[in-house]
Protein backbone atom coordinates (compact mmCIF):
# COMPACT_ATOMS: atom_id res chain seq x y z
CA MET A 1 0.00 0.00 0.00
CA THR A 2 1.18 3.51 -0.75
CA ILE A 3 -0.12 6.91 0.22
CA SER A 4 -2.76 8.37 -2.07
CA LYS A 5 -2.58 11.72 -3.83
CA ALA A 6 -5.21 13.01 -1.38
CA GLY A 7 -2.98 11.89 1.51
CA ILE A 8 0.03 13.69 0.04
CA ASP A 9 -2.08 16.80 -0.52
CA HIS A 10 -3.22 16.77 3.14
CA ILE A 11 0.34 16.48 4.42
CA SER A 12 1.51 19.25 2.09
CA LYS A 13 -1.32 21.52 3.25
CA ASP A 14 -0.77 20.72 6.94
CA GLU A 15 2.98 21.27 6.75
CA GLY A 16 3.02 24.29 4.44
CA PHE A 17 5.95 25.15 2.18
CA SER A 18 8.87 27.55 2.22
CA ALA A 19 12.07 27.48 0.16
CA MET A 20 13.66 29.63 2.88
CA PRO A 21 14.26 28.17 6.37
CA TYR A 22 11.93 29.39 9.10
CA ASP A 23 11.20 28.63 12.74
CA ASP A 24 8.16 26.37 13.02
CA ILE A 25 5.60 26.76 15.82
CA ALA A 26 7.87 24.83 18.20
CA GLY A 27 10.88 27.02 17.34
CA ASN A 28 12.65 24.37 15.23
CA CYS A 29 14.46 25.37 12.06
CA THR A 30 12.42 23.96 9.16
CA VAL A 31 12.36 24.26 5.37
CA GLY A 32 10.35 22.95 2.43
CA ILE A 33 7.35 20.82 3.39
CA GLY A 34 8.06 20.08 7.04
CA ILE A 35 11.74 19.22 6.62
CA LEU A 36 13.38 19.67 10.01
CA LEU A 37 16.86 21.18 9.78
CA SER A 38 17.50 21.37 13.53
CA TYR A 39 15.79 21.21 16.91
CA SER A 40 16.70 24.85 17.47
CA PRO A 41 15.76 28.17 15.91
CA CYS A 42 17.25 29.04 12.53
CA THR A 43 20.36 31.14 12.49
CA GLU A 44 20.32 34.38 10.53
CA LYS A 45 22.50 32.71 7.90
CA GLN A 46 20.04 29.83 7.56
CA LYS A 47 17.10 32.21 7.19
CA LYS A 48 18.84 33.86 4.23
CA THR A 49 19.52 30.57 2.42
CA ARG A 50 17.22 29.69 -0.48
CA TYR A 51 16.94 25.95 -1.09
CA ASP A 52 16.62 24.32 -4.50
CA LEU A 53 12.97 23.39 -5.14
CA ALA A 54 13.82 20.09 -6.84
CA LYS A 55 16.00 19.04 -3.89
CA LEU A 56 13.30 20.04 -1.40
CA ASN A 57 10.73 18.04 -3.35
CA ALA A 58 13.04 15.01 -3.45
CA THR A 59 13.67 15.26 0.30
CA PHE A 60 9.92 15.54 0.97
CA HIS A 61 9.27 12.39 -1.06
CA ASP A 62 12.13 10.56 0.71
CA ARG A 63 10.62 11.45 4.10
CA LEU A 64 7.18 10.45 2.85
CA GLU A 65 8.53 7.07 1.73
CA GLU A 66 10.21 6.61 5.10
CA ALA A 67 6.94 7.32 6.94
CA GLN A 68 5.09 4.84 4.72
CA LYS A 69 7.80 2.23 5.31
CA TYR A 70 7.28 2.51 9.07
CA VAL A 71 3.50 2.18 8.76
CA ARG A 72 3.91 -0.93 6.60
CA PHE A 73 6.52 -2.38 8.99
CA TYR A 74 4.59 -1.81 12.23
CA VAL A 75 1.07 -2.55 10.96
CA ARG A 76 1.10 -6.06 9.54
CA GLU A 77 -1.61 -7.91 11.47
CA THR A 78 -4.53 -5.69 10.48
CA GLU A 79 -5.52 -4.66 7.00
CA LEU A 80 -5.76 -0.90 6.65
CA GLY A 81 -8.08 1.01 4.38
CA GLN A 82 -6.52 3.68 2.16
CA ALA A 83 -7.71 6.55 4.38
CA GLN A 84 -6.29 4.81 7.47
CA PHE A 85 -2.94 4.25 5.77
CA ASP A 86 -2.86 7.88 4.64
CA SER A 87 -3.68 9.09 8.15
CA LEU A 88 -1.03 6.94 9.81
CA THR A 89 1.55 8.06 7.24
CA SER A 90 0.66 11.69 7.95
CA PHE A 91 0.93 11.06 11.69
CA VAL A 92 4.35 9.37 11.39
CA PHE A 93 5.57 12.11 9.03
CA ASN A 94 4.57 14.74 11.59
CA THR A 95 5.56 13.12 14.89
CA GLY A 96 8.39 10.80 13.87
CA VAL A 97 8.35 7.05 14.24
CA GLY A 98 9.56 7.16 17.86
CA ASN A 99 6.49 9.09 18.94
CA ALA A 100 4.21 7.10 16.63
CA ARG A 101 5.11 3.57 17.76
CA GLY A 102 2.28 3.37 20.30
CA VAL A 103 -0.29 4.46 17.71
CA LEU A 104 1.11 2.02 15.16
CA ALA A 105 0.99 -0.83 17.72
CA LEU A 106 -2.68 -0.09 18.40
CA ALA A 107 -3.42 0.04 14.67
CA ASN A 108 -1.65 -3.30 14.26
CA LYS A 109 -4.06 -4.81 16.83
CA GLY A 110 -7.07 -3.27 15.07
CA GLU A 111 -7.83 -1.07 18.10
CA HIS A 112 -9.29 1.75 16.02
CA LYS A 113 -10.94 3.67 18.86
CA LEU A 114 -7.70 3.59 20.85
CA VAL A 115 -5.73 4.71 17.78
CA ALA A 116 -7.90 7.82 17.59
CA GLU A 117 -7.57 8.49 21.32
CA GLU A 118 -3.79 8.08 21.28
CA MET A 119 -3.35 10.27 18.20
CA ASN A 120 -5.32 13.01 19.94
CA ARG A 121 -2.66 13.18 22.66
CA PHE A 122 -0.23 14.68 20.14
CA VAL A 123 -1.67 18.19 20.03
CA TYR A 124 1.02 19.94 22.08
CA ILE A 125 4.30 21.53 21.15
CA THR A 126 7.24 22.34 23.36
CA GLN A 127 8.13 25.91 22.58
CA LYS A 128 11.70 27.02 22.83
CA SER A 129 13.20 30.16 24.23
CA LYS A 130 15.36 32.37 22.03
CA ASP A 131 18.43 30.36 23.02
CA GLY A 132 16.80 27.16 21.72
CA LYS A 133 16.13 25.52 25.09
CA PRO A 134 12.70 23.98 25.75
CA SER A 135 10.58 26.43 27.70
CA LYS A 136 6.95 25.30 27.93
CA LYS A 137 4.42 22.87 26.55
CA GLN A 138 1.57 24.55 24.70
CA TYR A 139 -1.64 23.39 23.04
CA SER A 140 -1.52 23.80 19.24
CA ASN A 141 -4.71 24.52 17.32
CA GLY A 142 -2.90 23.56 14.11
CA LEU A 143 -1.97 20.13 15.47
CA ALA A 144 -5.44 19.67 16.95
CA ASN A 145 -7.01 20.36 13.56
CA ARG A 146 -4.59 17.98 11.87
CA ARG A 147 -5.41 15.23 14.38
CA LYS A 148 -9.15 15.77 13.88
CA ARG A 149 -8.65 14.98 10.21
CA GLU A 150 -6.26 12.09 10.83
CA ILE A 151 -8.52 10.24 13.27
CA VAL A 152 -11.66 10.26 11.09
CA PRO A 153 -10.85 6.94 9.34
CA PHE A 154 -10.46 5.25 12.73
CA GLN A 155 -13.69 6.63 14.18
CA ALA A 156 -15.74 5.33 11.23
CA GLN A 157 -14.96 1.71 12.13
CA PRO A 158 -17.63 -0.36 13.96
């Protein structure tokens, strides 16, 4: 199974795009479509660097393939529908496989209601101070809206 065009479009919309590095809502230096450059704010030099669009697109697709690979690896016992696969791929792309393992384990067991509940826990960011150190955990409307979309395929199950 591979992610659908609609799934890719959702991730692209949720992540946004910039050819110039910027600090995401958690204060991490990011570029392209959600490509993390560092777990700290961008330097002034980074913010002035324009990245090649073709390379950014290739990196996005590499990260997308990696997220799909993890979904396929961790969810083998339960057959997923396309929307479920897309949602899990989006979740892994956004949170990283380390944070997604619990969700993927629940999906593997077919625990759809618990998948939705667990995904909904990932609606907080840890903001950083100007020196890049974690400062406080904060609710993110953007992540909450993303999770609302991602859990729909798991709520529709009987």
